[in-house]
Amino acid sequence: MSMPAALPPNYPPPYPLRLHPRVLAGFGSLLGALMVAVGIGWALLAGDEGPGAWFPRERWLADLLLGALLGAGFAAGAWGLFGRIPALRRIERRLVAVLDVAALRPHHAIIFGLLAGVPEEILFRGALQPTLGLLVASLVFGALHAVTLAYFVYAGVAGMLLGALALWRGALWAPIAAHTVIDVIMFALLIRRWRTGARAQGGCSAAPGEE
């Protein structure tokens, strides 16, 4: 069993109550259900076609594969920026300080990716974007992720690209796949970086994912 570990060098001290992944997953599930409900309600009130138009049966597999490929490319570029731009690196440090990173396992990356990718795309690209337009929906998306100014810019740009993908494909399959893959890869790389740093300083008896 892994033991509580010190953070790798150059990370801020942990908060007094650090979130266990199960707590974060539970909160994410509730928030995700709320976003889906709001998105469907918004679409109905706006007179949009709603879920039937969001998830057409045609070319769904091709769109999922396309979105996954584009998401992987975006994640690779974003991870490079996170390593080079101090303002973005601070976001990672804050996340690690808040989370109980020692309890993270690789499957948590998949869970968190799905909990963000599916409901957020339904709400922002499926429901809000047809009514508010690409720019405004992307700004709202960025504002609701604005932990820092840098993350507002990052999320706003990501929202623009996901919104453009939704417009291009005329459905949510591709943006959901892209969003999910981005978050899965980013979380997986975060876990890997933390494991490397913790091992280097001997901060834990077993790395996340090891018993």
N, C-alpha and C. Protein backbone atom coordinates (compact mmCIF):
# COMPACT_ATOMS: atom_id res chain seq x y z
N MET A 1 0.85 -1.20 0.00
CA MET A 1 0.00 0.00 0.00
C MET A 1 0.88 1.24 0.00
N SER A 2 0.50 2.23 -0.79
CA SER A 2 1.31 3.44 -0.85
C SER A 2 1.08 4.29 0.39
N MET A 3 2.11 5.01 0.77
CA MET A 3 2.07 5.86 1.96
C MET A 3 2.00 7.32 1.52
N PRO A 4 1.45 8.21 2.38
CA PRO A 4 1.44 9.62 2.05
C PRO A 4 2.85 10.09 1.73
N ALA A 5 2.98 10.87 0.70
CA ALA A 5 4.31 11.24 0.24
C ALA A 5 4.47 12.74 0.21
N ALA A 6 5.72 13.15 0.34
CA ALA A 6 6.05 14.55 0.14
C ALA A 6 5.94 14.86 -1.34
N LEU A 7 5.66 16.13 -1.65
CA LEU A 7 5.57 16.52 -3.04
C LEU A 7 6.97 16.62 -3.64
N PRO A 8 7.09 16.41 -4.95
CA PRO A 8 8.37 16.60 -5.60
C PRO A 8 8.88 18.02 -5.39
N PRO A 9 10.18 18.24 -5.60
CA PRO A 9 10.75 19.58 -5.38
C PRO A 9 10.03 20.63 -6.21
N ASN A 10 10.02 21.87 -5.67
CA ASN A 10 9.44 23.04 -6.33
C ASN A 10 7.92 23.05 -6.35
N TYR A 11 7.28 22.11 -5.66
CA TYR A 11 5.82 22.12 -5.57
C TYR A 11 5.41 22.83 -4.28
N PRO A 12 4.25 23.50 -4.28
CA PRO A 12 3.80 24.17 -3.06
C PRO A 12 3.40 23.14 -2.02
N PRO A 13 3.37 23.55 -0.74
CA PRO A 13 2.95 22.61 0.30
C PRO A 13 1.51 22.20 0.10
N PRO A 14 1.14 20.98 0.49
CA PRO A 14 -0.23 20.51 0.30
C PRO A 14 -1.20 21.27 1.18
N TYR A 15 -2.45 21.33 0.74
CA TYR A 15 -3.50 21.91 1.55
C TYR A 15 -3.81 20.98 2.72
N PRO A 16 -4.38 21.53 3.82
CA PRO A 16 -4.64 20.68 5.00
C PRO A 16 -5.51 19.47 4.67
N LEU A 17 -6.54 19.66 3.83
CA LEU A 17 -7.42 18.56 3.43
C LEU A 17 -7.24 18.33 1.94
N ARG A 18 -6.53 17.27 1.60
CA ARG A 18 -6.28 16.96 0.20
C ARG A 18 -7.34 15.98 -0.30
N LEU A 19 -7.82 16.22 -1.51
CA LEU A 19 -8.93 15.44 -2.05
C LEU A 19 -8.47 14.06 -2.50
N HIS A 20 -9.13 13.03 -1.98
CA HIS A 20 -8.88 11.68 -2.46
C HIS A 20 -9.54 11.54 -3.82
N PRO A 21 -8.96 10.74 -4.74
CA PRO A 21 -9.57 10.58 -6.07
C PRO A 21 -11.02 10.14 -6.03
N ARG A 22 -11.40 9.31 -5.05
CA ARG A 22 -12.80 8.87 -4.97
C ARG A 22 -13.72 10.05 -4.68
N VAL A 23 -13.26 10.97 -3.84
CA VAL A 23 -14.07 12.16 -3.54
C VAL A 23 -14.21 13.02 -4.79
N LEU A 24 -13.10 13.20 -5.49
CA LEU A 24 -13.14 14.00 -6.71
C LEU A 24 -14.04 13.34 -7.75
N ALA A 25 -13.97 12.02 -7.88
CA ALA A 25 -14.82 11.31 -8.83
C ALA A 25 -16.30 11.44 -8.46
N GLY A 26 -16.61 11.35 -7.17
CA GLY A 26 -18.00 11.51 -6.73
C GLY A 26 -18.53 12.90 -7.01
N PHE A 27 -17.71 13.91 -6.69
CA PHE A 27 -18.12 15.28 -6.97
C PHE A 27 -18.26 15.50 -8.47
N GLY A 28 -17.33 14.94 -9.25
CA GLY A 28 -17.40 15.08 -10.70
C GLY A 28 -18.63 14.43 -11.29
N SER A 29 -19.04 13.29 -10.71
CA SER A 29 -20.24 12.60 -11.20
C SER A 29 -21.48 13.45 -10.97
N LEU A 30 -21.59 14.03 -9.77
CA LEU A 30 -22.74 14.88 -9.47
C LEU A 30 -22.76 16.12 -10.36
N LEU A 31 -21.60 16.75 -10.49
CA LEU A 31 -21.53 17.94 -11.33
C LEU A 31 -21.81 17.60 -12.79
N GLY A 32 -21.30 16.45 -13.24
CA GLY A 32 -21.54 16.04 -14.61
C GLY A 32 -23.02 15.78 -14.88
N ALA A 33 -23.69 15.12 -13.94
CA ALA A 33 -25.12 14.88 -14.10
C ALA A 33 -25.88 16.19 -14.16
N LEU A 34 -25.48 17.17 -13.34
CA LEU A 34 -26.12 18.48 -13.36
C LEU A 34 -25.91 19.17 -14.70
N MET A 35 -24.69 19.09 -15.24
CA MET A 35 -24.41 19.73 -16.53
C MET A 35 -25.23 19.11 -17.66
N VAL A 36 -25.36 17.78 -17.64
CA VAL A 36 -26.16 17.11 -18.66
C VAL A 36 -27.62 17.56 -18.56
N ALA A 37 -28.15 17.61 -17.32
CA ALA A 37 -29.53 18.03 -17.13
C ALA A 37 -29.74 19.47 -17.60
N VAL A 38 -28.81 20.35 -17.25
CA VAL A 38 -28.92 21.75 -17.69
C VAL A 38 -28.82 21.85 -19.20
N GLY A 39 -27.90 21.07 -19.78
CA GLY A 39 -27.74 21.10 -21.23
C GLY A 39 -29.00 20.66 -21.96
N ILE A 40 -29.61 19.57 -21.51
CA ILE A 40 -30.83 19.09 -22.15
C ILE A 40 -31.97 20.09 -21.95
N GLY A 41 -32.08 20.62 -20.73
CA GLY A 41 -33.12 21.61 -20.47
C GLY A 41 -32.93 22.87 -21.31
N TRP A 42 -31.68 23.32 -21.43
CA TRP A 42 -31.39 24.50 -22.25
C TRP A 42 -31.80 24.25 -23.70
N ALA A 43 -31.43 23.08 -24.23
CA ALA A 43 -31.73 22.77 -25.63
C ALA A 43 -33.25 22.71 -25.86
N LEU A 44 -33.97 22.15 -24.93
CA LEU A 44 -35.41 22.06 -25.08
C LEU A 44 -36.06 23.44 -25.05
N LEU A 45 -35.60 24.28 -24.12
CA LEU A 45 -36.16 25.63 -24.03
C LEU A 45 -35.81 26.47 -25.25
N ALA A 46 -34.62 26.21 -25.82
CA ALA A 46 -34.20 26.97 -26.99
C ALA A 46 -34.82 26.45 -28.28
N GLY A 47 -35.50 25.31 -28.19
CA GLY A 47 -36.11 24.75 -29.37
C GLY A 47 -35.16 23.99 -30.27
N ASP A 48 -33.96 23.64 -29.73
CA ASP A 48 -33.00 22.86 -30.51
C ASP A 48 -33.43 21.39 -30.54
N GLU A 49 -32.78 20.64 -31.43
CA GLU A 49 -33.13 19.23 -31.55
C GLU A 49 -32.65 18.41 -30.37
N GLY A 50 -31.62 18.87 -29.70
CA GLY A 50 -31.15 18.18 -28.50
C GLY A 50 -30.37 16.92 -28.79
N PRO A 51 -30.45 15.95 -27.87
CA PRO A 51 -29.60 14.75 -27.96
C PRO A 51 -29.69 14.01 -29.29
N GLY A 52 -30.84 14.04 -29.94
CA GLY A 52 -30.95 13.36 -31.22
C GLY A 52 -30.00 13.92 -32.26
N ALA A 53 -29.79 15.24 -32.22
CA ALA A 53 -28.87 15.88 -33.16
C ALA A 53 -27.43 15.79 -32.68
N TRP A 54 -27.23 15.71 -31.38
CA TRP A 54 -25.88 15.65 -30.85
C TRP A 54 -25.18 14.34 -31.18
N PHE A 55 -25.94 13.26 -31.21
CA PHE A 55 -25.35 11.93 -31.37
C PHE A 55 -26.00 11.17 -32.53
N PRO A 56 -25.79 11.63 -33.76
CA PRO A 56 -26.36 10.91 -34.91
C PRO A 56 -25.69 9.55 -35.08
N ARG A 57 -26.40 8.63 -35.68
CA ARG A 57 -25.87 7.29 -35.87
C ARG A 57 -24.87 7.21 -37.01
N GLU A 58 -24.90 8.18 -37.90
CA GLU A 58 -23.99 8.15 -39.04
C GLU A 58 -22.57 8.51 -38.60
N ARG A 59 -21.60 7.83 -39.13
CA ARG A 59 -20.16 8.08 -38.99
C ARG A 59 -19.70 8.32 -37.55
N TRP A 60 -20.40 7.76 -36.57
CA TRP A 60 -20.03 7.99 -35.18
C TRP A 60 -18.65 7.42 -34.86
N LEU A 61 -18.35 6.25 -35.41
CA LEU A 61 -17.06 5.64 -35.12
C LEU A 61 -15.92 6.44 -35.73
N ALA A 62 -16.10 6.89 -36.97
CA ALA A 62 -15.08 7.71 -37.61
C ALA A 62 -14.85 9.00 -36.83
N ASP A 63 -15.94 9.61 -36.33
CA ASP A 63 -15.81 10.84 -35.55
C ASP A 63 -15.09 10.58 -34.21
N LEU A 64 -15.39 9.47 -33.57
CA LEU A 64 -14.70 9.14 -32.33
C LEU A 64 -13.20 8.97 -32.56
N LEU A 65 -12.85 8.27 -33.63
CA LEU A 65 -11.43 8.06 -33.93
C LEU A 65 -10.75 9.37 -34.30
N LEU A 66 -11.43 10.20 -35.09
CA LEU A 66 -10.88 11.50 -35.46
C LEU A 66 -10.67 12.36 -34.22
N GLY A 67 -11.68 12.42 -33.35
CA GLY A 67 -11.57 13.22 -32.14
C GLY A 67 -10.45 12.74 -31.24
N ALA A 68 -10.32 11.42 -31.10
CA ALA A 68 -9.26 10.86 -30.26
C ALA A 68 -7.89 11.23 -30.81
N LEU A 69 -7.73 11.17 -32.12
CA LEU A 69 -6.45 11.51 -32.74
C LEU A 69 -6.12 12.98 -32.55
N LEU A 70 -7.10 13.85 -32.79
CA LEU A 70 -6.87 15.29 -32.60
C LEU A 70 -6.62 15.62 -31.13
N GLY A 71 -7.35 14.95 -30.24
CA GLY A 71 -7.14 15.18 -28.81
C GLY A 71 -5.75 14.79 -28.37
N ALA A 72 -5.24 13.67 -28.89
CA ALA A 72 -3.89 13.23 -28.53
C ALA A 72 -2.85 14.24 -29.01
N GLY A 73 -3.06 14.76 -30.21
CA GLY A 73 -2.13 15.77 -30.71
C GLY A 73 -2.16 17.05 -29.89
N PHE A 74 -3.37 17.48 -29.51
CA PHE A 74 -3.50 18.69 -28.69
C PHE A 74 -2.86 18.48 -27.32
N ALA A 75 -3.08 17.31 -26.73
CA ALA A 75 -2.52 17.02 -25.41
C ALA A 75 -1.00 17.03 -25.44
N ALA A 76 -0.42 16.50 -26.50
CA ALA A 76 1.04 16.49 -26.62
C ALA A 76 1.57 17.92 -26.67
N GLY A 77 0.92 18.76 -27.47
CA GLY A 77 1.35 20.15 -27.54
C GLY A 77 1.12 20.90 -26.24
N ALA A 78 -0.03 20.66 -25.60
CA ALA A 78 -0.33 21.35 -24.33
C ALA A 78 0.64 20.95 -23.24
N TRP A 79 0.99 19.65 -23.19
CA TRP A 79 1.93 19.20 -22.16
C TRP A 79 3.30 19.86 -22.35
N GLY A 80 3.70 20.05 -23.61
CA GLY A 80 4.94 20.75 -23.87
C GLY A 80 4.89 22.19 -23.39
N LEU A 81 3.75 22.85 -23.59
CA LEU A 81 3.60 24.23 -23.12
C LEU A 81 3.59 24.29 -21.60
N PHE A 82 2.93 23.32 -20.95
CA PHE A 82 2.90 23.29 -19.49
C PHE A 82 4.30 23.16 -18.91
N GLY A 83 5.20 22.50 -19.63
CA GLY A 83 6.56 22.35 -19.14
C GLY A 83 7.43 23.56 -19.38
N ARG A 84 7.00 24.47 -20.27
CA ARG A 84 7.84 25.60 -20.65
C ARG A 84 7.33 26.95 -20.16
N ILE A 85 6.02 27.06 -19.91
CA ILE A 85 5.45 28.34 -19.51
C ILE A 85 5.17 28.31 -18.01
N PRO A 86 5.87 29.14 -17.22
CA PRO A 86 5.70 29.09 -15.75
C PRO A 86 4.26 29.27 -15.30
N ALA A 87 3.50 30.15 -15.94
CA ALA A 87 2.11 30.38 -15.52
C ALA A 87 1.28 29.12 -15.66
N LEU A 88 1.53 28.31 -16.68
CA LEU A 88 0.81 27.05 -16.85
C LEU A 88 1.34 25.99 -15.89
N ARG A 89 2.62 26.01 -15.63
CA ARG A 89 3.20 25.03 -14.70
C ARG A 89 2.64 25.22 -13.30
N ARG A 90 2.31 26.46 -12.95
CA ARG A 90 1.74 26.71 -11.63
C ARG A 90 0.37 26.05 -11.47
N ILE A 91 -0.37 25.90 -12.58
CA ILE A 91 -1.65 25.21 -12.51
C ILE A 91 -1.43 23.76 -12.10
N GLU A 92 -0.45 23.12 -12.71
CA GLU A 92 -0.14 21.73 -12.35
C GLU A 92 0.26 21.63 -10.89
N ARG A 93 1.08 22.55 -10.42
CA ARG A 93 1.54 22.51 -9.04
C ARG A 93 0.39 22.68 -8.06
N ARG A 94 -0.53 23.56 -8.41
CA ARG A 94 -1.69 23.76 -7.53
C ARG A 94 -2.56 22.52 -7.49
N LEU A 95 -2.75 21.88 -8.63
CA LEU A 95 -3.54 20.66 -8.68
C LEU A 95 -2.92 19.56 -7.83
N VAL A 96 -1.61 19.40 -7.94
CA VAL A 96 -0.92 18.37 -7.17
C VAL A 96 -0.99 18.67 -5.68
N ALA A 97 -0.99 19.96 -5.31
CA ALA A 97 -1.07 20.31 -3.90
C ALA A 97 -2.44 20.05 -3.32
N VAL A 98 -3.48 20.12 -4.16
CA VAL A 98 -4.85 19.93 -3.68
C VAL A 98 -5.24 18.45 -3.65
N LEU A 99 -4.77 17.68 -4.64
CA LEU A 99 -5.14 16.28 -4.75
C LEU A 99 -4.27 15.40 -3.86
N ASP A 100 -4.84 14.29 -3.43
CA ASP A 100 -4.06 13.24 -2.77
C ASP A 100 -3.41 12.42 -3.88
N VAL A 101 -2.30 12.94 -4.40
CA VAL A 101 -1.70 12.36 -5.60
C VAL A 101 -1.19 10.95 -5.34
N ALA A 102 -0.79 10.66 -4.11
CA ALA A 102 -0.30 9.32 -3.80
C ALA A 102 -1.37 8.26 -4.00
N ALA A 103 -2.64 8.65 -3.95
CA ALA A 103 -3.73 7.70 -4.13
C ALA A 103 -4.16 7.57 -5.58
N LEU A 104 -3.62 8.39 -6.48
CA LEU A 104 -4.01 8.32 -7.88
C LEU A 104 -3.52 7.04 -8.53
N ARG A 105 -4.35 6.44 -9.34
CA ARG A 105 -4.01 5.27 -10.12
C ARG A 105 -4.27 5.56 -11.59
N PRO A 106 -3.67 4.82 -12.50
CA PRO A 106 -3.88 5.10 -13.93
C PRO A 106 -5.35 5.12 -14.33
N HIS A 107 -6.19 4.28 -13.72
CA HIS A 107 -7.60 4.27 -14.13
C HIS A 107 -8.32 5.55 -13.74
N HIS A 108 -7.78 6.29 -12.76
CA HIS A 108 -8.40 7.56 -12.40
C HIS A 108 -8.31 8.55 -13.56
N ALA A 109 -7.24 8.48 -14.34
CA ALA A 109 -7.12 9.37 -15.50
C ALA A 109 -8.27 9.15 -16.47
N ILE A 110 -8.65 7.89 -16.68
CA ILE A 110 -9.77 7.58 -17.58
C ILE A 110 -11.08 8.08 -17.00
N ILE A 111 -11.27 7.84 -15.70
CA ILE A 111 -12.51 8.28 -15.05
C ILE A 111 -12.67 9.79 -15.13
N PHE A 112 -11.60 10.52 -14.77
CA PHE A 112 -11.68 11.98 -14.78
C PHE A 112 -11.86 12.52 -16.20
N GLY A 113 -11.22 11.85 -17.18
CA GLY A 113 -11.38 12.28 -18.56
C GLY A 113 -12.81 12.16 -19.03
N LEU A 114 -13.46 11.05 -18.70
CA LEU A 114 -14.86 10.85 -19.10
C LEU A 114 -15.79 11.80 -18.35
N LEU A 115 -15.52 12.02 -17.06
CA LEU A 115 -16.38 12.89 -16.27
C LEU A 115 -16.31 14.34 -16.73
N ALA A 116 -15.20 14.72 -17.35
CA ALA A 116 -15.09 16.07 -17.90
C ALA A 116 -15.55 16.11 -19.34
N GLY A 117 -15.08 15.17 -20.15
CA GLY A 117 -15.31 15.23 -21.58
C GLY A 117 -16.76 15.10 -21.99
N VAL A 118 -17.50 14.18 -21.39
CA VAL A 118 -18.87 13.94 -21.84
C VAL A 118 -19.82 15.06 -21.41
N PRO A 119 -19.97 15.36 -20.12
CA PRO A 119 -20.96 16.37 -19.75
C PRO A 119 -20.59 17.78 -20.19
N GLU A 120 -19.31 18.12 -20.18
CA GLU A 120 -18.94 19.47 -20.58
C GLU A 120 -19.21 19.71 -22.06
N GLU A 121 -18.99 18.72 -22.90
CA GLU A 121 -19.28 18.89 -24.31
C GLU A 121 -20.79 18.95 -24.56
N ILE A 122 -21.55 18.17 -23.82
CA ILE A 122 -23.01 18.24 -23.96
C ILE A 122 -23.51 19.64 -23.60
N LEU A 123 -22.99 20.19 -22.51
CA LEU A 123 -23.46 21.51 -22.07
C LEU A 123 -22.95 22.63 -22.97
N PHE A 124 -21.63 22.68 -23.17
CA PHE A 124 -21.06 23.85 -23.84
C PHE A 124 -21.17 23.79 -25.36
N ARG A 125 -20.80 22.67 -25.96
CA ARG A 125 -20.86 22.57 -27.41
C ARG A 125 -22.24 22.12 -27.91
N GLY A 126 -22.92 21.27 -27.14
CA GLY A 126 -24.22 20.80 -27.58
C GLY A 126 -25.33 21.80 -27.33
N ALA A 127 -25.39 22.35 -26.10
CA ALA A 127 -26.51 23.21 -25.71
C ALA A 127 -26.22 24.69 -25.88
N LEU A 128 -25.11 25.17 -25.33
CA LEU A 128 -24.87 26.61 -25.30
C LEU A 128 -24.39 27.17 -26.64
N GLN A 129 -23.51 26.43 -27.32
CA GLN A 129 -22.92 26.99 -28.54
C GLN A 129 -23.94 27.31 -29.62
N PRO A 130 -24.95 26.47 -29.89
CA PRO A 130 -25.92 26.84 -30.93
C PRO A 130 -26.69 28.11 -30.60
N THR A 131 -26.84 28.42 -29.32
CA THR A 131 -27.59 29.61 -28.91
C THR A 131 -26.69 30.84 -28.77
N LEU A 132 -25.53 30.65 -28.12
CA LEU A 132 -24.66 31.78 -27.81
C LEU A 132 -23.61 32.04 -28.88
N GLY A 133 -23.34 31.06 -29.70
CA GLY A 133 -22.30 31.21 -30.70
C GLY A 133 -20.97 30.64 -30.19
N LEU A 134 -20.07 30.38 -31.12
CA LEU A 134 -18.79 29.75 -30.80
C LEU A 134 -17.96 30.58 -29.83
N LEU A 135 -17.82 31.88 -30.09
CA LEU A 135 -16.96 32.73 -29.28
C LEU A 135 -17.47 32.85 -27.86
N VAL A 136 -18.75 33.18 -27.69
CA VAL A 136 -19.28 33.39 -26.34
C VAL A 136 -19.28 32.09 -25.54
N ALA A 137 -19.67 30.99 -26.17
CA ALA A 137 -19.66 29.71 -25.47
C ALA A 137 -18.26 29.32 -25.03
N SER A 138 -17.26 29.64 -25.87
CA SER A 138 -15.87 29.33 -25.52
C SER A 138 -15.39 30.22 -24.38
N LEU A 139 -15.79 31.48 -24.37
CA LEU A 139 -15.41 32.37 -23.28
C LEU A 139 -16.04 31.93 -21.96
N VAL A 140 -17.31 31.52 -22.02
CA VAL A 140 -17.96 31.00 -20.81
C VAL A 140 -17.24 29.75 -20.33
N PHE A 141 -16.89 28.88 -21.25
CA PHE A 141 -16.14 27.67 -20.92
C PHE A 141 -14.82 28.02 -20.24
N GLY A 142 -14.10 28.99 -20.81
CA GLY A 142 -12.83 29.41 -20.21
C GLY A 142 -13.03 30.05 -18.85
N ALA A 143 -14.08 30.88 -18.71
CA ALA A 143 -14.33 31.56 -17.44
C ALA A 143 -14.62 30.58 -16.32
N LEU A 144 -15.36 29.51 -16.62
CA LEU A 144 -15.70 28.53 -15.60
C LEU A 144 -14.52 27.63 -15.25
N HIS A 145 -13.43 27.73 -16.01
CA HIS A 145 -12.20 27.00 -15.70
C HIS A 145 -11.10 27.93 -15.19
N ALA A 146 -11.47 29.18 -14.92
CA ALA A 146 -10.47 30.22 -14.66
C ALA A 146 -9.90 30.14 -13.24
N VAL A 147 -9.22 29.06 -12.95
CA VAL A 147 -8.48 28.97 -11.69
C VAL A 147 -7.40 30.03 -11.65
N THR A 148 -6.77 30.26 -12.78
CA THR A 148 -5.81 31.34 -12.97
C THR A 148 -6.09 31.97 -14.32
N LEU A 149 -5.47 33.13 -14.57
CA LEU A 149 -5.64 33.79 -15.86
C LEU A 149 -5.09 32.90 -16.97
N ALA A 150 -3.95 32.27 -16.72
CA ALA A 150 -3.36 31.40 -17.74
C ALA A 150 -4.29 30.25 -18.09
N TYR A 151 -4.97 29.69 -17.08
CA TYR A 151 -5.86 28.57 -17.36
C TYR A 151 -7.12 29.04 -18.06
N PHE A 152 -7.54 30.28 -17.81
CA PHE A 152 -8.67 30.84 -18.55
C PHE A 152 -8.33 30.91 -20.04
N VAL A 153 -7.12 31.37 -20.34
CA VAL A 153 -6.71 31.46 -21.75
C VAL A 153 -6.61 30.07 -22.35
N TYR A 154 -5.99 29.15 -21.63
CA TYR A 154 -5.84 27.77 -22.12
C TYR A 154 -7.19 27.13 -22.37
N ALA A 155 -8.10 27.23 -21.41
CA ALA A 155 -9.41 26.61 -21.55
C ALA A 155 -10.23 27.30 -22.63
N GLY A 156 -10.09 28.62 -22.75
CA GLY A 156 -10.82 29.33 -23.79
C GLY A 156 -10.38 28.92 -25.19
N VAL A 157 -9.07 28.78 -25.38
CA VAL A 157 -8.56 28.33 -26.67
C VAL A 157 -9.01 26.90 -26.95
N ALA A 158 -8.91 26.04 -25.93
CA ALA A 158 -9.37 24.66 -26.10
C ALA A 158 -10.86 24.62 -26.44
N GLY A 159 -11.65 25.48 -25.79
CA GLY A 159 -13.08 25.54 -26.09
C GLY A 159 -13.35 25.97 -27.52
N MET A 160 -12.55 26.93 -28.02
CA MET A 160 -12.72 27.36 -29.41
C MET A 160 -12.45 26.21 -30.37
N LEU A 161 -11.38 25.47 -30.11
CA LEU A 161 -11.02 24.36 -30.99
C LEU A 161 -12.06 23.24 -30.92
N LEU A 162 -12.52 22.92 -29.72
CA LEU A 162 -13.55 21.90 -29.59
C LEU A 162 -14.86 22.34 -30.23
N GLY A 163 -15.18 23.62 -30.08
CA GLY A 163 -16.39 24.15 -30.71
C GLY A 163 -16.29 24.11 -32.22
N ALA A 164 -15.12 24.45 -32.76
CA ALA A 164 -14.93 24.38 -34.20
C ALA A 164 -15.04 22.95 -34.70
N LEU A 165 -14.54 22.00 -33.91
CA LEU A 165 -14.65 20.59 -34.26
C LEU A 165 -16.11 20.15 -34.29
N ALA A 166 -16.89 20.63 -33.31
CA ALA A 166 -18.31 20.29 -33.28
C ALA A 166 -19.04 20.87 -34.50
N LEU A 167 -18.70 22.09 -34.88
CA LEU A 167 -19.32 22.69 -36.06
C LEU A 167 -18.93 21.93 -37.32
N TRP A 168 -17.68 21.56 -37.42
CA TRP A 168 -17.20 20.86 -38.61
C TRP A 168 -17.90 19.51 -38.78
N ARG A 169 -17.98 18.76 -37.66
CA ARG A 169 -18.54 17.42 -37.76
C ARG A 169 -20.06 17.40 -37.61
N GLY A 170 -20.64 18.47 -37.11
CA GLY A 170 -22.08 18.53 -36.97
C GLY A 170 -22.63 17.60 -35.91
N ALA A 171 -21.81 17.22 -34.94
CA ALA A 171 -22.22 16.29 -33.87
C ALA A 171 -21.22 16.41 -32.73
N LEU A 172 -21.49 15.71 -31.64
CA LEU A 172 -20.63 15.78 -30.46
C LEU A 172 -19.67 14.61 -30.32
N TRP A 173 -19.78 13.60 -31.19
CA TRP A 173 -18.89 12.45 -31.05
C TRP A 173 -17.41 12.87 -31.05
N ALA A 174 -17.01 13.68 -32.02
CA ALA A 174 -15.60 14.06 -32.15
C ALA A 174 -15.12 14.95 -31.00
N PRO A 175 -15.85 16.03 -30.65
CA PRO A 175 -15.37 16.85 -29.53
C PRO A 175 -15.37 16.11 -28.20
N ILE A 176 -16.32 15.21 -27.98
CA ILE A 176 -16.29 14.43 -26.74
C ILE A 176 -15.06 13.54 -26.70
N ALA A 177 -14.77 12.88 -27.82
CA ALA A 177 -13.58 12.02 -27.86
C ALA A 177 -12.32 12.85 -27.67
N ALA A 178 -12.23 14.01 -28.32
CA ALA A 178 -11.05 14.85 -28.19
C ALA A 178 -10.87 15.35 -26.77
N HIS A 179 -11.94 15.87 -26.19
CA HIS A 179 -11.89 16.39 -24.82
C HIS A 179 -11.49 15.30 -23.84
N THR A 180 -12.09 14.13 -23.98
CA THR A 180 -11.80 13.03 -23.07
C THR A 180 -10.35 12.59 -23.19
N VAL A 181 -9.88 12.43 -24.40
CA VAL A 181 -8.49 11.99 -24.61
C VAL A 181 -7.51 13.03 -24.09
N ILE A 182 -7.79 14.30 -24.30
CA ILE A 182 -6.91 15.35 -23.77
C ILE A 182 -6.77 15.21 -22.26
N ASP A 183 -7.89 15.11 -21.56
CA ASP A 183 -7.84 15.04 -20.10
C ASP A 183 -7.21 13.74 -19.61
N VAL A 184 -7.49 12.63 -20.28
CA VAL A 184 -6.89 11.35 -19.89
C VAL A 184 -5.37 11.43 -20.02
N ILE A 185 -4.89 11.92 -21.13
CA ILE A 185 -3.44 12.01 -21.35
C ILE A 185 -2.80 12.97 -20.37
N MET A 186 -3.43 14.12 -20.14
CA MET A 186 -2.84 15.10 -19.22
C MET A 186 -2.76 14.56 -17.80
N PHE A 187 -3.82 13.88 -17.36
CA PHE A 187 -3.79 13.30 -16.02
C PHE A 187 -2.76 12.17 -15.94
N ALA A 188 -2.69 11.34 -16.98
CA ALA A 188 -1.72 10.25 -16.97
C ALA A 188 -0.29 10.77 -16.93
N LEU A 189 -0.02 11.83 -17.68
CA LEU A 189 1.32 12.42 -17.66
C LEU A 189 1.61 13.08 -16.32
N LEU A 190 0.59 13.67 -15.71
CA LEU A 190 0.76 14.26 -14.38
C LEU A 190 1.13 13.18 -13.36
N ILE A 191 0.42 12.06 -13.41
CA ILE A 191 0.72 10.96 -12.49
C ILE A 191 2.14 10.47 -12.71
N ARG A 192 2.52 10.34 -13.96
CA ARG A 192 3.87 9.86 -14.27
C ARG A 192 4.94 10.83 -13.76
N ARG A 193 4.72 12.14 -13.99
CA ARG A 193 5.70 13.12 -13.54
C ARG A 193 5.81 13.11 -12.02
N TRP A 194 4.66 13.01 -11.35
CA TRP A 194 4.70 12.98 -9.89
C TRP A 194 5.43 11.73 -9.38
N ARG A 195 5.16 10.59 -10.00
CA ARG A 195 5.81 9.35 -9.59
C ARG A 195 7.32 9.46 -9.74
N THR A 196 7.76 10.04 -10.85
CA THR A 196 9.19 10.20 -11.10
C THR A 196 9.82 11.10 -10.05
N GLY A 197 9.16 12.24 -9.75
CA GLY A 197 9.70 13.15 -8.75
C GLY A 197 9.70 12.55 -7.36
N ALA A 198 8.62 11.84 -7.01
CA ALA A 198 8.53 11.24 -5.68
C ALA A 198 9.57 10.14 -5.49
N ARG A 199 9.78 9.35 -6.53
CA ARG A 199 10.79 8.30 -6.45
C ARG A 199 12.18 8.88 -6.31
N ALA A 200 12.42 10.00 -7.03
CA ALA A 200 13.75 10.60 -7.03
C ALA A 200 14.15 11.08 -5.63
N GLN A 201 13.16 11.54 -4.86
CA GLN A 201 13.47 12.04 -3.53
C GLN A 201 13.11 11.03 -2.43
N GLY A 202 12.67 9.81 -2.86
CA GLY A 202 12.36 8.78 -1.87
C GLY A 202 11.21 9.15 -1.00
N GLY A 203 10.18 9.86 -1.60
CA GLY A 203 9.09 10.37 -0.79
C GLY A 203 8.01 9.37 -0.49
N CYS A 204 8.00 8.19 -1.13
CA CYS A 204 6.94 7.24 -0.85
C CYS A 204 7.49 5.83 -0.95
N SER A 205 6.88 4.93 -0.23
CA SER A 205 7.34 3.55 -0.22
C SER A 205 6.88 2.80 -1.43
N ALA A 206 5.80 3.28 -2.08
CA ALA A 206 5.34 2.67 -3.32
C ALA A 206 4.70 3.74 -4.15
N ALA A 207 4.95 3.71 -5.43
CA ALA A 207 4.42 4.72 -6.31
C ALA A 207 2.95 4.44 -6.59
N PRO A 208 2.18 5.48 -7.01
CA PRO A 208 0.81 5.24 -7.35
C PRO A 208 0.67 4.14 -8.37
N GLY A 209 -0.29 3.25 -8.16
CA GLY A 209 -0.50 2.14 -9.05
C GLY A 209 0.25 0.90 -8.64
N GLU A 210 1.08 1.01 -7.60
CA GLU A 210 1.83 -0.13 -7.12
C GLU A 210 1.39 -0.47 -5.72
N GLU A 211 1.28 -1.73 -5.43
CA GLU A 211 0.89 -2.17 -4.09
C GLU A 211 2.05 -2.92 -3.46
